[in-house]
PDB file of N, CA and C in Angstrom:
ATOM      1  N   MET A   1       0.990  -1.197   0.174  1.00  0.00           N
ATOM      2  CA  MET A   1       0.025   0.055  -0.135  1.00  0.00           C
ATOM      3  C   MET A   1       0.935   1.373   0.074  1.00  0.00           C
ATOM      4  N   TYR A   2       0.566   2.267  -0.661  1.00  0.00           N
ATOM      5  CA  TYR A   2       1.245   3.419  -0.904  1.00  0.00           C
ATOM      6  C   TYR A   2       0.960   4.416   0.328  1.00  0.00           C
ATOM      7  N   ASN A   3       1.828   5.179   0.633  1.00  0.00           N
ATOM      8  CA  ASN A   3       1.870   6.078   1.872  1.00  0.00           C
ATOM      9  C   ASN A   3       1.203   7.312   1.343  1.00  0.00           C
ATOM     10  N   ALA A   4       0.175   8.061   1.700  1.00  0.00           N
ATOM     11  CA  ALA A   4      -0.182   9.105   1.254  1.00  0.00           C
ATOM     12  C   ALA A   4       0.333  10.251   1.228  1.00  0.00           C
ATOM     13  N   GLN A   5       1.476  10.398   2.373  1.00  0.00           N
ATOM     14  CA  GLN A   5       2.137  11.484   2.760  1.00  0.00           C
ATOM     15  C   GLN A   5       3.317  11.511   1.729  1.00  0.00           C
ATOM     16  N   TYR A   6       3.723  10.456   1.094  1.00  0.00           N
ATOM     17  CA  TYR A   6       4.780  10.395   0.013  1.00  0.00           C
ATOM     18  C   TYR A   6       4.302  11.359  -1.041  1.00  0.00           C
ATOM     19  N   PHE A   7       3.034  11.307  -1.485  1.00  0.00           N
ATOM     20  CA  PHE A   7       2.601  11.829  -2.590  1.00  0.00           C
ATOM     21  C   PHE A   7       2.118  13.586  -2.350  1.00  0.00           C
ATOM     22  N   HIS A   8       2.375  13.934  -1.109  1.00  0.00           N
ATOM     23  CA  HIS A   8       1.949  15.201  -0.456  1.00  0.00           C
ATOM     24  C   HIS A   8       2.834  16.216  -1.333  1.00  0.00           C
ATOM     25  N   PRO A   9       2.284  17.415  -1.727  1.00  0.00           N
ATOM     26  CA  PRO A   9       3.162  18.513  -2.548  1.00  0.00           C
ATOM     27  C   PRO A   9       4.468  18.748  -1.682  1.00  0.00           C
ATOM     28  N   ASP A  10       4.390  18.701  -0.247  1.00  0.00           N
ATOM     29  CA  ASP A  10       5.627  19.183   0.426  1.00  0.00           C
ATOM     30  C   ASP A  10       6.688  18.189  -0.020  1.00  0.00           C
ATOM     31  N   ASN A  11       6.426  16.879  -0.344  1.00  0.00           N
ATOM     32  CA  ASN A  11       7.381  15.998  -0.418  1.00  0.00           C
ATOM     33  C   ASN A  11       7.915  15.929  -2.074  1.00  0.00           C
ATOM     34  N   MET A  12       7.316  16.698  -2.868  1.00  0.00           N
ATOM     35  CA  MET A  12       7.696  16.695  -4.203  1.00  0.00           C
ATOM     36  C   MET A  12       8.753  17.610  -4.593  1.00  0.00           C
ATOM     37  N   SER A  13       9.341  17.044  -5.433  1.00  0.00           N
ATOM     38  CA  SER A  13      10.557  17.948  -6.106  1.00  0.00           C
ATOM     39  C   SER A  13       9.843  19.150  -6.911  1.00  0.00           C
ATOM     40  N   SER A  14      10.663  20.294  -7.134  1.00  0.00           N
ATOM     41  CA  SER A  14      10.168  21.404  -7.794  1.00  0.00           C
ATOM     42  C   SER A  14       9.743  21.167  -9.245  1.00  0.00           C
ATOM     43  N   GLY A  15      10.289  20.050 -10.049  1.00  0.00           N
ATOM     44  CA  GLY A  15      10.019  19.602 -11.225  1.00  0.00           C
ATOM     45  C   GLY A  15       8.669  18.996 -11.132  1.00  0.00           C
ATOM     46  N   GLU A  16       8.226  18.081 -10.114  1.00  0.00           N
ATOM     47  CA  GLU A  16       6.996  17.323  -9.904  1.00  0.00           C
ATOM     48  C   GLU A  16       6.249  18.196  -9.724  1.00  0.00           C
ATOM     49  N   LYS A  17       6.482  19.395  -8.884  1.00  0.00           N
ATOM     50  CA  LYS A  17       5.310  20.280  -8.877  1.00  0.00           C
ATOM     51  C   LYS A  17       4.874  21.002  -9.854  1.00  0.00           C
ATOM     52  N   VAL A  18       5.767  21.496 -10.913  1.00  0.00           N
ATOM     53  CA  VAL A  18       5.649  22.123 -11.983  1.00  0.00           C
ATOM     54  C   VAL A  18       4.842  21.377 -13.058  1.00  0.00           C
ATOM     55  N   ASN A  19       4.967  19.840 -13.131  1.00  0.00           N
ATOM     56  CA  ASN A  19       4.527  19.053 -13.979  1.00  0.00           C
ATOM     57  C   ASN A  19       2.997  18.824 -13.491  1.00  0.00           C
ATOM     58  N   LEU A  20       2.817  18.909 -12.279  1.00  0.00           N
ATOM     59  CA  LEU A  20       1.394  18.643 -11.710  1.00  0.00           C
ATOM     60  C   LEU A  20       0.584  19.894 -11.936  1.00  0.00           C
ATOM     61  N   GLU A  21       1.208  21.021 -11.889  1.00  0.00           N
ATOM     62  CA  GLU A  21       0.403  22.360 -12.227  1.00  0.00           C
ATOM     63  C   GLU A  21       0.273  22.499 -13.554  1.00  0.00           C
ATOM     64  N   LEU A  22       1.153  21.877 -14.604  1.00  0.00           N
ATOM     65  CA  LEU A  22       0.996  21.874 -16.034  1.00  0.00           C
ATOM     66  C   LEU A  22      -0.404  21.054 -16.467  1.00  0.00           C
ATOM     67  N   LYS A  23      -0.366  20.071 -15.747  1.00  0.00           N
ATOM     68  CA  LYS A  23      -1.444  19.053 -16.020  1.00  0.00           C
ATOM     69  C   LYS A  23      -2.798  19.767 -15.587  1.00  0.00           C
ATOM     70  N   LYS A  24      -2.555  20.462 -14.406  1.00  0.00           N
ATOM     71  CA  LYS A  24      -4.003  21.330 -14.200  1.00  0.00           C
ATOM     72  C   LYS A  24      -4.312  22.244 -15.116  1.00  0.00           C
ATOM     73  N   VAL A  25      -3.474  23.035 -15.586  1.00  0.00           N
ATOM     74  CA  VAL A  25      -3.497  24.111 -16.698  1.00  0.00           C
ATOM     75  C   VAL A  25      -3.959  23.577 -17.915  1.00  0.00           C
ATOM     76  N   ARG A  26      -3.332  22.426 -18.267  1.00  0.00           N
ATOM     77  CA  ARG A  26      -3.811  21.734 -19.363  1.00  0.00           C
ATOM     78  C   ARG A  26      -5.291  21.358 -19.347  1.00  0.00           C
ATOM     79  N   ASP A  27      -5.636  20.786 -18.200  1.00  0.00           N
ATOM     80  CA  ASP A  27      -6.868  20.302 -18.153  1.00  0.00           C
ATOM     81  C   ASP A  27      -8.053  21.511 -18.163  1.00  0.00           C
ATOM     82  N   GLU A  28      -7.544  22.649 -17.491  1.00  0.00           N
ATOM     83  CA  GLU A  28      -8.461  23.718 -17.409  1.00  0.00           C
ATOM     84  C   GLU A  28      -8.681  24.426 -18.804  1.00  0.00           C
ATOM     85  N   PHE A  29      -7.719  24.568 -19.531  1.00  0.00           N
ATOM     86  CA  PHE A  29      -7.783  25.279 -20.704  1.00  0.00           C
ATOM     87  C   PHE A  29      -8.004  24.546 -22.057  1.00  0.00           C
ATOM     88  N   LYS A  30      -8.270  23.189 -21.947  1.00  0.00           N
ATOM     89  CA  LYS A  30      -8.323  22.448 -23.182  1.00  0.00           C
ATOM     90  C   LYS A  30      -9.634  22.575 -23.786  1.00  0.00           C
ATOM     91  N   MET A  31      -9.766  22.562 -25.125  1.00  0.00           N
ATOM     92  CA  MET A  31     -11.121  22.807 -25.614  1.00  0.00           C
ATOM     93  C   MET A  31     -12.112  21.616 -25.898  1.00  0.00           C
ATOM     94  N   SER A  32     -11.077  20.501 -26.033  1.00  0.00           N
ATOM     95  CA  SER A  32     -11.844  19.161 -26.207  1.00  0.00           C
ATOM     96  C   SER A  32     -11.185  18.150 -25.385  1.00  0.00           C
ATOM     97  N   GLU A  33     -11.502  16.940 -25.405  1.00  0.00           N
ATOM     98  CA  GLU A  33     -10.866  15.819 -24.369  1.00  0.00           C
ATOM     99  C   GLU A  33      -9.590  15.493 -24.632  1.00  0.00           C
ATOM    100  N   SER A  34      -9.288  15.756 -26.151  1.00  0.00           N
ATOM    101  CA  SER A  34      -8.170  15.090 -26.637  1.00  0.00           C
ATOM    102  C   SER A  34      -7.232  16.313 -26.977  1.00  0.00           C
ATOM    103  N   ASP A  35      -7.575  17.519 -26.436  1.00  0.00           N
ATOM    104  CA  ASP A  35      -6.599  18.785 -26.865  1.00  0.00           C
ATOM    105  C   ASP A  35      -5.531  18.956 -25.982  1.00  0.00           C
ATOM    106  N   SER A  36      -4.447  19.045 -26.419  1.00  0.00           N
ATOM    107  CA  SER A  36      -3.101  19.234 -25.711  1.00  0.00           C
ATOM    108  C   SER A  36      -2.180  20.183 -26.235  1.00  0.00           C
ATOM    109  N   GLY A  37      -2.659  20.600 -27.374  1.00  0.00           N
ATOM    110  CA  GLY A  37      -1.802  21.491 -28.087  1.00  0.00           C
ATOM    111  C   GLY A  37      -2.367  22.746 -28.916  1.00  0.00           C
ATOM    112  N   SER A  38      -3.526  23.300 -28.574  1.00  0.00           N
ATOM    113  CA  SER A  38      -3.994  24.271 -28.994  1.00  0.00           C
ATOM    114  C   SER A  38      -3.197  25.640 -28.505  1.00  0.00           C
ATOM    115  N   SER A  39      -3.473  26.726 -29.152  1.00  0.00           N
ATOM    116  CA  SER A  39      -2.783  27.877 -28.851  1.00  0.00           C
ATOM    117  C   SER A  39      -2.989  28.237 -27.432  1.00  0.00           C
ATOM    118  N   ARG A  40      -4.225  28.275 -26.954  1.00  0.00           N
ATOM    119  CA  ARG A  40      -4.430  28.560 -25.471  1.00  0.00           C
ATOM    120  C   ARG A  40      -4.015  27.677 -24.389  1.00  0.00           C
ATOM    121  N   VAL A  41      -3.703  26.479 -24.949  1.00  0.00           N
ATOM    122  CA  VAL A  41      -3.141  25.733 -23.934  1.00  0.00           C
ATOM    123  C   VAL A  41      -1.560  25.822 -23.791  1.00  0.00           C
ATOM    124  N   GLN A  42      -1.083  26.219 -25.199  1.00  0.00           N
ATOM    125  CA  GLN A  42       0.166  26.439 -25.066  1.00  0.00           C
ATOM    126  C   GLN A  42       0.571  27.580 -24.215  1.00  0.00           C
ATOM    127  N   VAL A  43      -0.178  28.772 -24.593  1.00  0.00           N
ATOM    128  CA  VAL A  43      -0.101  30.011 -23.826  1.00  0.00           C
ATOM    129  C   VAL A  43      -0.063  29.568 -22.400  1.00  0.00           C
ATOM    130  N   ALA A  44      -1.087  28.888 -21.903  1.00  0.00           N
ATOM    131  CA  ALA A  44      -1.389  28.692 -20.441  1.00  0.00           C
ATOM    132  C   ALA A  44       0.033  27.937 -19.963  1.00  0.00           C
ATOM    133  N   GLN A  45       0.518  26.992 -20.594  1.00  0.00           N
ATOM    134  CA  GLN A  45       1.518  26.131 -20.081  1.00  0.00           C
ATOM    135  C   GLN A  45       2.603  27.024 -20.010  1.00  0.00           C
ATOM    136  N   LEU A  46       2.987  27.717 -21.330  1.00  0.00           N
ATOM    137  CA  LEU A  46       4.206  28.753 -21.280  1.00  0.00           C
ATOM    138  C   LEU A  46       4.168  29.761 -20.065  1.00  0.00           C
ATOM    139  N   THR A  47       2.902  30.155 -19.672  1.00  0.00           N
ATOM    140  CA  THR A  47       2.936  31.254 -18.856  1.00  0.00           C
ATOM    141  C   THR A  47       3.192  30.565 -17.395  1.00  0.00           C
ATOM    142  N   THR A  48       2.777  29.139 -17.122  1.00  0.00           N
ATOM    143  CA  THR A  48       3.003  28.714 -15.886  1.00  0.00           C
ATOM    144  C   THR A  48       4.571  28.249 -15.800  1.00  0.00           C
ATOM    145  N   LYS A  49       5.181  27.684 -16.879  1.00  0.00           N
ATOM    146  CA  LYS A  49       6.766  27.768 -16.918  1.00  0.00           C
ATOM    147  C   LYS A  49       7.387  29.010 -16.664  1.00  0.00           C
ATOM    148  N   ILE A  50       6.972  30.228 -17.129  1.00  0.00           N
ATOM    149  CA  ILE A  50       7.681  31.339 -17.146  1.00  0.00           C
ATOM    150  C   ILE A  50       7.539  31.701 -15.562  1.00  0.00           C
ATOM    151  N   LYS A  51       6.394  31.550 -15.069  1.00  0.00           N
ATOM    152  CA  LYS A  51       6.136  32.153 -13.594  1.00  0.00           C
ATOM    153  C   LYS A  51       7.105  31.188 -12.615  1.00  0.00           C
ATOM    154  N   HIS A  52       7.129  29.892 -12.815  1.00  0.00           N
ATOM    155  CA  HIS A  52       8.229  29.100 -12.156  1.00  0.00           C
ATOM    156  C   HIS A  52       9.391  29.384 -12.194  1.00  0.00           C
ATOM    157  N   LEU A  53       9.976  29.496 -13.643  1.00  0.00           N
ATOM    158  CA  LEU A  53      11.216  29.768 -13.910  1.00  0.00           C
ATOM    159  C   LEU A  53      11.892  31.141 -13.455  1.00  0.00           C
ATOM    160  N   SER A  54      10.825  32.336 -13.473  1.00  0.00           N
ATOM    161  CA  SER A  54      11.351  33.516 -12.819  1.00  0.00           C
ATOM    162  C   SER A  54      11.265  33.752 -11.570  1.00  0.00           C
ATOM    163  N   THR A  55      10.594  32.745 -10.828  1.00  0.00           N
ATOM    164  CA  THR A  55      10.973  32.650  -9.090  1.00  0.00           C
ATOM    165  C   THR A  55      12.099  31.803  -8.734  1.00  0.00           C
ATOM    166  N   THR A  56      12.579  30.868  -9.697  1.00  0.00           N
ATOM    167  CA  THR A  56      13.744  30.107  -9.262  1.00  0.00           C
ATOM    168  C   THR A  56      14.973  30.570  -9.886  1.00  0.00           C
ATOM    169  N   LEU A  57      14.958  31.424 -10.795  1.00  0.00           N
ATOM    170  CA  LEU A  57      16.186  32.015 -11.580  1.00  0.00           C
ATOM    171  C   LEU A  57      17.084  32.685 -10.676  1.00  0.00           C
ATOM    172  N   HIS A  58      18.545  32.471 -10.870  1.00  0.00           N
ATOM    173  CA  HIS A  58      19.567  33.045 -10.144  1.00  0.00           C
ATOM    174  C   HIS A  58      19.970  34.292 -10.956  1.00  0.00           C
ATOM    175  N   LYS A  59      20.449  35.319 -10.127  1.00  0.00           N
ATOM    176  CA  LYS A  59      21.024  36.379 -11.049  1.00  0.00           C
ATOM    177  C   LYS A  59      22.298  36.169 -12.050  1.00  0.00           C
ATOM    178  N   LYS A  60      22.993  35.247 -11.786  1.00  0.00           N
ATOM    179  CA  LYS A  60      24.194  34.909 -12.895  1.00  0.00           C
ATOM    180  C   LYS A  60      23.806  33.889 -13.804  1.00  0.00           C
ATOM    181  N   ASP A  61      22.571  33.281 -13.666  1.00  0.00           N
ATOM    182  CA  ASP A  61      22.386  32.021 -14.564  1.00  0.00           C
ATOM    183  C   ASP A  61      21.941  32.541 -15.910  1.00  0.00           C
ATOM    184  N   LYS A  62      22.828  32.954 -16.807  1.00  0.00           N
ATOM    185  CA  LYS A  62      22.794  33.490 -18.004  1.00  0.00           C
ATOM    186  C   LYS A  62      21.860  32.487 -19.078  1.00  0.00           C
ATOM    187  N   HIS A  63      22.368  31.208 -19.102  1.00  0.00           N
ATOM    188  CA  HIS A  63      21.547  30.181 -19.944  1.00  0.00           C
ATOM    189  C   HIS A  63      20.023  30.110 -19.650  1.00  0.00           C
ATOM    190  N   SER A  64      19.863  29.904 -18.539  1.00  0.00           N
ATOM    191  CA  SER A  64      18.442  29.851 -18.001  1.00  0.00           C
ATOM    192  C   SER A  64      17.586  31.033 -18.544  1.00  0.00           C
ATOM    193  N   ARG A  65      18.210  32.282 -18.292  1.00  0.00           N
ATOM    194  CA  ARG A  65      17.761  33.477 -18.512  1.00  0.00           C
ATOM    195  C   ARG A  65      17.412  33.716 -20.124  1.00  0.00           C
ATOM    196  N   LYS A  66      18.475  33.113 -20.859  1.00  0.00           N
ATOM    197  CA  LYS A  66      18.071  33.028 -22.223  1.00  0.00           C
ATOM    198  C   LYS A  66      16.860  32.183 -22.642  1.00  0.00           C
ATOM    199  N   GLY A  67      16.752  31.089 -21.917  1.00  0.00           N
ATOM    200  CA  GLY A  67      15.673  30.159 -22.221  1.00  0.00           C
ATOM    201  C   GLY A  67      14.288  30.750 -21.730  1.00  0.00           C
ATOM    202  N   LEU A  68      14.234  31.651 -20.665  1.00  0.00           N
ATOM    203  CA  LEU A  68      13.260  32.344 -20.085  1.00  0.00           C
ATOM    204  C   LEU A  68      12.863  33.448 -21.213  1.00  0.00           C
ATOM    205  N   MET A  69      13.836  33.981 -21.786  1.00  0.00           N
ATOM    206  CA  MET A  69      13.390  35.132 -22.732  1.00  0.00           C
ATOM    207  C   MET A  69      12.746  34.486 -23.986  1.00  0.00           C
ATOM    208  N   GLU A  70      13.391  33.227 -24.369  1.00  0.00           N
ATOM    209  CA  GLU A  70      12.893  32.629 -25.516  1.00  0.00           C
ATOM    210  C   GLU A  70      11.456  32.134 -25.309  1.00  0.00           C
ATOM    211  N   MET A  71      10.954  31.762 -24.056  1.00  0.00           N
ATOM    212  CA  MET A  71       9.587  31.217 -23.495  1.00  0.00           C
ATOM    213  C   MET A  71       8.981  32.397 -23.608  1.00  0.00           C
ATOM    214  N   ILE A  72       9.150  33.694 -23.347  1.00  0.00           N
ATOM    215  CA  ILE A  72       8.463  35.028 -23.315  1.00  0.00           C
ATOM    216  C   ILE A  72       8.085  35.410 -24.856  1.00  0.00           C
ATOM    217  N   GLN A  73       9.070  35.257 -25.508  1.00  0.00           N
ATOM    218  CA  GLN A  73       8.955  35.637 -26.996  1.00  0.00           C
ATOM    219  C   GLN A  73       7.816  34.610 -27.811  1.00  0.00           C
ATOM    220  N   GLN A  74       8.022  33.348 -27.483  1.00  0.00           N
ATOM    221  CA  GLN A  74       6.972  32.377 -27.989  1.00  0.00           C
ATOM    222  C   GLN A  74       5.675  32.519 -27.447  1.00  0.00           C
ATOM    223  N   ARG A  75       5.602  32.879 -26.265  1.00  0.00           N
ATOM    224  CA  ARG A  75       4.294  33.242 -25.704  1.00  0.00           C
ATOM    225  C   ARG A  75       3.563  34.615 -26.264  1.00  0.00           C
ATOM    226  N   LYS A  76       4.553  35.478 -26.771  1.00  0.00           N
ATOM    227  CA  LYS A  76       4.064  36.521 -27.273  1.00  0.00           C
ATOM    228  C   LYS A  76       3.507  36.393 -28.710  1.00  0.00           C
ATOM    229  N   LYS A  77       4.266  35.764 -29.499  1.00  0.00           N
ATOM    230  CA  LYS A  77       3.786  35.372 -30.683  1.00  0.00           C
ATOM    231  C   LYS A  77       2.483  34.451 -30.651  1.00  0.00           C
ATOM    232  N   LEU A  78       2.104  33.470 -29.837  1.00  0.00           N
ATOM    233  CA  LEU A  78       1.056  32.748 -29.612  1.00  0.00           C
ATOM    234  C   LEU A  78      -0.135  33.673 -29.366  1.00  0.00           C
ATOM    235  N   LEU A  79       0.140  34.846 -28.178  1.00  0.00           N
ATOM    236  CA  LEU A  79      -0.769  35.689 -27.937  1.00  0.00           C
ATOM    237  C   LEU A  79      -1.456  36.442 -29.265  1.00  0.00           C
ATOM    238  N   LYS A  80      -0.385  36.896 -30.101  1.00  0.00           N
ATOM    239  CA  LYS A  80      -0.600  37.534 -31.304  1.00  0.00           C
ATOM    240  C   LYS A  80      -1.554  36.803 -32.287  1.00  0.00           C
ATOM    241  N   TYR A  81      -1.056  35.673 -32.140  1.00  0.00           N
ATOM    242  CA  TYR A  81      -1.966  34.569 -33.182  1.00  0.00           C
ATOM    243  C   TYR A  81      -3.497  34.347 -32.579  1.00  0.00           C
ATOM    244  N   LEU A  82      -3.358  34.358 -31.131  1.00  0.00           N
ATOM    245  CA  LEU A  82      -4.815  34.091 -30.670  1.00  0.00           C
ATOM    246  C   LEU A  82      -5.684  35.267 -30.783  1.00  0.00           C
ATOM    247  N   ARG A  83      -4.997  36.395 -30.575  1.00  0.00           N
ATOM    248  CA  ARG A  83      -5.578  37.710 -30.781  1.00  0.00           C
ATOM    249  C   ARG A  83      -6.375  37.746 -32.097  1.00  0.00           C
ATOM    250  N   ARG A  84      -5.437  37.572 -32.952  1.00  0.00           N
ATOM    251  CA  ARG A  84      -6.085  37.535 -34.350  1.00  0.00           C
ATOM    252  C   ARG A  84      -7.048  36.607 -34.789  1.00  0.00           C
ATOM    253  N   THR A  85      -7.079  35.173 -34.260  1.00  0.00           N
ATOM    254  CA  THR A  85      -7.921  34.222 -34.584  1.00  0.00           C
ATOM    255  C   THR A  85      -9.027  34.022 -33.719  1.00  0.00           C
ATOM    256  N   ASP A  86      -8.804  33.980 -32.530  1.00  0.00           N
ATOM    257  CA  ASP A  86     -10.091  33.582 -31.373  1.00  0.00           C
ATOM    258  C   ASP A  86      -9.998  34.594 -30.250  1.00  0.00           C
ATOM    259  N   TRP A  87     -10.778  35.379 -30.237  1.00  0.00           N
ATOM    260  CA  TRP A  87     -10.735  36.569 -29.301  1.00  0.00           C
ATOM    261  C   TRP A  87     -11.188  35.971 -28.043  1.00  0.00           C
ATOM    262  N   ASP A  88     -12.221  35.241 -27.971  1.00  0.00           N
ATOM    263  CA  ASP A  88     -12.694  34.619 -26.777  1.00  0.00           C
ATOM    264  C   ASP A  88     -11.626  34.019 -26.034  1.00  0.00           C
ATOM    265  N   SER A  89     -10.910  33.324 -26.549  1.00  0.00           N
ATOM    266  CA  SER A  89      -9.822  32.401 -25.867  1.00  0.00           C
ATOM    267  C   SER A  89      -8.597  33.428 -25.518  1.00  0.00           C
ATOM    268  N   TYR A  90      -8.490  34.360 -26.300  1.00  0.00           N
ATOM    269  CA  TYR A  90      -7.436  35.333 -25.951  1.00  0.00           C
ATOM    270  C   TYR A  90      -7.628  36.048 -24.592  1.00  0.00           C
ATOM    271  N   VAL A  91      -8.975  36.590 -24.488  1.00  0.00           N
ATOM    272  CA  VAL A  91      -9.650  37.141 -23.523  1.00  0.00           C
ATOM    273  C   VAL A  91      -9.504  36.319 -22.142  1.00  0.00           C
ATOM    274  N   LEU A  92      -9.995  35.080 -22.350  1.00  0.00           N
ATOM    275  CA  LEU A  92     -10.011  34.022 -21.311  1.00  0.00           C
ATOM    276  C   LEU A  92      -8.447  33.973 -20.615  1.00  0.00           C
ATOM    277  N   VAL A  93      -7.411  33.716 -21.628  1.00  0.00           N
ATOM    278  CA  VAL A  93      -6.255  33.494 -21.125  1.00  0.00           C
ATOM    279  C   VAL A  93      -5.758  34.935 -20.237  1.00  0.00           C
ATOM    280  N   LEU A  94      -5.827  35.880 -20.849  1.00  0.00           N
ATOM    281  CA  LEU A  94      -5.417  37.315 -20.228  1.00  0.00           C
ATOM    282  C   LEU A  94      -5.961  37.391 -18.890  1.00  0.00           C
ATOM    283  N   GLY A  95      -7.474  37.063 -18.769  1.00  0.00           N
ATOM    284  CA  GLY A  95      -7.910  37.197 -17.537  1.00  0.00           C
ATOM    285  C   GLY A  95      -7.456  36.250 -16.435  1.00  0.00           C
ATOM    286  N   LYS A  96      -7.526  35.031 -16.833  1.00  0.00           N
ATOM    287  CA  LYS A  96      -6.934  33.967 -15.930  1.00  0.00           C
ATOM    288  C   LYS A  96      -5.538  34.313 -15.420  1.00  0.00           C
ATOM    289  N   PHE A  97      -4.658  34.742 -16.127  1.00  0.00           N
ATOM    290  CA  PHE A  97      -3.223  34.715 -15.709  1.00  0.00           C
ATOM    291  C   PHE A  97      -3.073  36.402 -15.453  1.00  0.00           C
ATOM    292  N   GLY A  98      -3.904  37.191 -15.528  1.00  0.00           N
ATOM    293  CA  GLY A  98      -3.743  38.618 -15.239  1.00  0.00           C
ATOM    294  C   GLY A  98      -2.619  39.239 -16.394  1.00  0.00           C
ATOM    295  N   LEU A  99      -2.545  38.900 -17.491  1.00  0.00           N
ATOM    296  CA  LEU A  99      -1.646  39.445 -18.339  1.00  0.00           C
ATOM    297  C   LEU A  99      -2.169  40.633 -18.966  1.00  0.00           C
ATOM    298  N   LYS A 100      -1.465  41.357 -19.483  1.00  0.00           N
ATOM    299  CA  LYS A 100      -1.756  42.805 -19.935  1.00  0.00           C
ATOM    300  C   LYS A 100      -1.992  42.768 -21.562  1.00  0.00           C
ATOM    301  N   ASP A 101      -2.760  43.396 -21.953  1.00  0.00           N
ATOM    302  CA  ASP A 101      -3.152  43.430 -23.406  1.00  0.00           C
ATOM    303  C   ASP A 101      -2.250  44.475 -24.130  1.00  0.00           C
ATOM    304  N   ASN A 102      -1.331  43.797 -24.901  1.00  0.00           N
ATOM    305  CA  ASN A 102      -0.126  44.839 -25.249  1.00  0.00           C
ATOM    306  C   ASN A 102       0.111  44.548 -26.811  1.00  0.00           C
ATOM    307  N   PRO A 103      -0.816  44.982 -27.493  1.00  0.00           N
ATOM    308  CA  PRO A 103      -0.771  44.628 -28.902  1.00  0.00           C
ATOM    309  C   PRO A 103       0.323  45.618 -29.624  1.00  0.00           C
ATOM    310  N   ASP A 104       1.084  44.544 -30.619  1.00  0.00           N
ATOM    311  CA  ASP A 104       2.169  45.493 -31.395  1.00  0.00           C
ATOM    312  C   ASP A 104       1.561  46.067 -32.556  1.00  0.00           C
ATOM    313  N   TYR A 105       1.749  47.299 -32.668  1.00  0.00           N
ATOM    314  CA  TYR A 105       1.214  48.095 -33.762  1.00  0.00           C
ATOM    315  C   TYR A 105       2.268  48.154 -34.731  1.00  0.00           C
ATOM    316  N   LYS A 106       3.626  47.775 -34.701  1.00  0.00           N
ATOM    317  CA  LYS A 106       4.601  48.024 -35.576  1.00  0.00           C
ATOM    318  C   LYS A 106       4.355  46.622 -36.782  1.00  0.00           C
ATOM    319  N   ASN A 107       3.522  46.668 -37.494  1.00  0.00           N
ATOM    320  CA  ASN A 107       3.356  45.658 -38.311  1.00  0.00           C
ATOM    321  C   ASN A 107       4.472  45.393 -39.310  1.00  0.00           C
TER     322      ASN A 107
END
């Protein structure tokens, strides 16, 4: 029999906690039962990863900072696409995560 305390969040590693959070986010934002890669799911997962990485990032960790910047740019592109194609999903994602509406007017 498994001990329930072993699976308690206090005993999980940081990576396991992020994976659990990503699963919750995926379940919350998916549009259908088999949806795991739509734009709004990707934005939600990237936002979760960005929040986690920005809290654990050290000042001198240049490689992780570069990865963080790449994730932010990817999320920006996905939000731009989502804004153009599916306004309701765009507003939902912005509202849930408290992101600001910052459209690029430099086409």
